[in-house]
C-alpha atoms as a PDB file:
ATOM      1  CA  UNK A   1      16.180  67.399 160.944  1.00  0.00           C
ATOM      2  CA  UNK A   2      13.063  67.135 158.825  1.00  0.00           C
ATOM      3  CA  UNK A   3      12.497  67.599 155.118  1.00  0.00           C
ATOM      4  CA  UNK A   4       9.285  68.913 153.628  1.00  0.00           C
ATOM      5  CA  UNK A   5       9.042  67.759 150.027  1.00  0.00           C
ATOM      6  CA  UNK A   6       6.700  69.530 147.628  1.00  0.00           C
ATOM      7  CA  UNK A   7       6.293  67.392 144.516  1.00  0.00           C
ATOM      8  CA  UNK A   8       4.669  68.685 141.326  1.00  0.00           C
ATOM      9  CA  UNK A   9       3.304  65.812 139.193  1.00  0.00           C
ATOM     10  CA  UNK A  10       4.154  65.732 135.502  1.00  0.00           C
ATOM     11  CA  UNK A  11       1.522  64.773 132.976  1.00  0.00           C
ATOM     12  CA  UNK A  12      -0.485  65.729 129.954  1.00  0.00           C
ATOM     13  CA  UNK A  13      -1.893  69.222 130.309  1.00  0.00           C
ATOM     14  CA  UNK A  14       0.213  70.081 133.346  1.00  0.00           C
ATOM     15  CA  UNK A  15       2.055  73.388 133.154  1.00  0.00           C
ATOM     16  CA  UNK A  16       4.963  74.705 135.206  1.00  0.00           C
ATOM     17  CA  UNK A  17       6.563  78.149 134.807  1.00  0.00           C
ATOM     18  CA  UNK A  18      10.173  77.725 135.898  1.00  0.00           C
ATOM     19  CA  UNK A  19      11.004  81.415 135.449  1.00  0.00           C
ATOM     20  CA  UNK A  20       8.275  82.500 137.852  1.00  0.00           C
ATOM     21  CA  UNK A  21       8.933  79.649 140.279  1.00  0.00           C
ATOM     22  CA  UNK A  22      12.650  80.358 140.597  1.00  0.00           C
ATOM     23  CA  UNK A  23      12.474  84.142 140.249  1.00  0.00           C
ATOM     24  CA  UNK A  24       9.397  84.979 142.339  1.00  0.00           C
ATOM     25  CA  UNK A  25       7.866  82.095 144.279  1.00  0.00           C
ATOM     26  CA  UNK A  26      11.052  80.600 145.724  1.00  0.00           C
ATOM     27  CA  UNK A  27      12.460  83.946 146.954  1.00  0.00           C
ATOM     28  CA  UNK A  28       9.079  84.701 148.557  1.00  0.00           C
ATOM     29  CA  UNK A  29       9.044  81.327 150.342  1.00  0.00           C
ATOM     30  CA  UNK A  30      12.630  81.864 151.541  1.00  0.00           C
ATOM     31  CA  UNK A  31      11.702  85.281 152.929  1.00  0.00           C
ATOM     32  CA  UNK A  32       8.491  84.146 154.617  1.00  0.00           C
ATOM     33  CA  UNK A  33      10.054  81.063 156.248  1.00  0.00           C
ATOM     34  CA  UNK A  34      13.469  82.646 156.885  1.00  0.00           C
ATOM     35  CA  UNK A  35      13.549  82.182 160.650  1.00  0.00           C
ATOM     36  CA  UNK A  36      12.896  78.430 160.517  1.00  0.00           C
ATOM     37  CA  UNK A  37      14.112  77.383 157.054  1.00  0.00           C
ATOM     38  CA  UNK A  38      17.541  75.725 157.208  1.00  0.00           C
ATOM     39  CA  UNK A  39      17.997  74.914 153.531  1.00  0.00           C
ATOM     40  CA  UNK A  40      16.234  74.389 150.244  1.00  0.00           C
ATOM     41  CA  UNK A  41      16.897  72.368 147.101  1.00  0.00           C
ATOM     42  CA  UNK A  42      14.922  72.407 143.890  1.00  0.00           C
ATOM     43  CA  UNK A  43      15.031  69.709 141.234  1.00  0.00           C
ATOM     44  CA  UNK A  44      13.665  69.565 137.687  1.00  0.00           C
ATOM     45  CA  UNK A  45      12.442  66.147 136.572  1.00  0.00           C
ATOM     46  CA  UNK A  46      14.137  64.922 133.397  1.00  0.00           C
ATOM     47  CA  UNK A  47      12.943  61.340 133.012  1.00  0.00           C
ATOM     48  CA  UNK A  48      11.639  58.207 134.653  1.00  0.00           C
ATOM     49  CA  UNK A  49      13.540  55.136 135.760  1.00  0.00           C
ATOM     50  CA  UNK A  50      13.552  53.503 132.348  1.00  0.00           C
ATOM     51  CA  UNK A  51      15.276  55.192 129.391  1.00  0.00           C
ATOM     52  CA  UNK A  52      12.949  57.427 127.416  1.00  0.00           C
ATOM     53  CA  UNK A  53      10.158  57.516 129.990  1.00  0.00           C
ATOM     54  CA  UNK A  54       8.803  60.821 131.274  1.00  0.00           C
ATOM     55  CA  UNK A  55       9.484  62.036 134.813  1.00  0.00           C
ATOM     56  CA  UNK A  56       6.929  61.359 137.520  1.00  0.00           C
ATOM     57  CA  UNK A  57       7.364  64.915 138.785  1.00  0.00           C
ATOM     58  CA  UNK A  58       8.119  68.027 136.745  1.00  0.00           C
ATOM     59  CA  UNK A  59       9.589  69.679 139.841  1.00  0.00           C
ATOM     60  CA  UNK A  60      10.515  68.795 143.410  1.00  0.00           C
ATOM     61  CA  UNK A  61      11.256  71.256 146.177  1.00  0.00           C
ATOM     62  CA  UNK A  62      12.804  70.073 149.440  1.00  0.00           C
ATOM     63  CA  UNK A  63      12.767  72.398 152.459  1.00  0.00           C
ATOM     64  CA  UNK A  64      14.785  71.601 155.580  1.00  0.00           C
ATOM     65  CA  UNK A  65      13.725  72.455 159.142  1.00  0.00           C
ATOM     66  CA  UNK A  66      14.952  71.507 162.617  1.00  0.00           C
ATOM     67  CA  UNK A  67      11.638  69.915 163.589  1.00  0.00           C
ATOM     68  CA  UNK A  68       8.057  69.356 162.504  1.00  0.00           C
ATOM     69  CA  UNK A  69       7.032  71.945 165.076  1.00  0.00           C
ATOM     70  CA  UNK A  70       9.364  74.618 163.689  1.00  0.00           C
ATOM     71  CA  UNK A  71       8.038  73.936 160.174  1.00  0.00           C
ATOM     72  CA  UNK A  72       4.399  74.055 161.278  1.00  0.00           C
ATOM     73  CA  UNK A  73       4.852  77.231 163.268  1.00  0.00           C
ATOM     74  CA  UNK A  74       6.597  79.028 160.398  1.00  0.00           C
ATOM     75  CA  UNK A  75       4.327  77.698 157.656  1.00  0.00           C
ATOM     76  CA  UNK A  76       1.008  78.156 159.441  1.00  0.00           C
ATOM     77  CA  UNK A  77       1.617  81.885 159.729  1.00  0.00           C
ATOM     78  CA  UNK A  78       2.534  82.224 156.041  1.00  0.00           C
ATOM     79  CA  UNK A  79       0.401  79.523 154.386  1.00  0.00           C
ATOM     80  CA  UNK A  80      -2.252  81.823 152.871  1.00  0.00           C
ATOM     81  CA  UNK A  81       0.293  83.846 150.882  1.00  0.00           C
ATOM     82  CA  UNK A  82       2.402  80.844 149.860  1.00  0.00           C
ATOM     83  CA  UNK A  83      -0.558  78.728 148.768  1.00  0.00           C
ATOM     84  CA  UNK A  84      -2.269  81.621 146.959  1.00  0.00           C
ATOM     85  CA  UNK A  85       0.828  81.984 144.753  1.00  0.00           C
ATOM     86  CA  UNK A  86       0.718  78.405 143.376  1.00  0.00           C
ATOM     87  CA  UNK A  87      -1.629  79.190 140.430  1.00  0.00           C
ATOM     88  CA  UNK A  88       0.907  81.783 139.248  1.00  0.00           C
ATOM     89  CA  UNK A  89       3.338  79.049 138.176  1.00  0.00           C
ATOM     90  CA  UNK A  90       1.450  75.739 137.842  1.00  0.00           C
ATOM     91  CA  UNK A  91      -1.946  74.243 137.204  1.00  0.00           C
ATOM     92  CA  UNK A  92      -1.089  71.044 139.109  1.00  0.00           C
ATOM     93  CA  UNK A  93      -1.909  70.174 142.699  1.00  0.00           C
ATOM     94  CA  UNK A  94       1.375  69.636 144.556  1.00  0.00           C
ATOM     95  CA  UNK A  95       1.909  66.569 146.704  1.00  0.00           C
ATOM     96  CA  UNK A  96       3.502  67.274 150.096  1.00  0.00           C
ATOM     97  CA  UNK A  97       5.406  64.849 152.282  1.00  0.00           C
ATOM     98  CA  UNK A  98       7.075  65.521 155.632  1.00  0.00           C
ATOM     99  CA  UNK A  99      10.010  63.197 156.332  1.00  0.00           C
ATOM    100  CA  UNK A 100      12.599  62.695 159.024  1.00  0.00           C
ATOM    101  CA  UNK A 101      16.098  62.798 157.582  1.00  0.00           C
ATOM    102  CA  UNK A 102      17.980  59.702 158.759  1.00  0.00           C
ATOM    103  CA  UNK A 103      21.281  60.128 156.921  1.00  0.00           C
END
């Protein structure tokens, strides 16, 4: 199992529209990756490690797939539409990491 994490950095001047992200973008991603997507979780950053510090990421989305190949095949076909939608909910550049789930 692999996890594709899409991390949206927090910071001064960064915007993130949760209503659009949850109501429009996420359903679109689910629909476009439906054949390969095994699960999805979305997290909202509340704070950093020390009390009172800001979160590193305003949002984190974790998408689960059986393999890197199944992710790449599904995403490559849908990437233009998914990526074109990013400016509709944030002005930040997301950070993406592909990981193998060990536990």
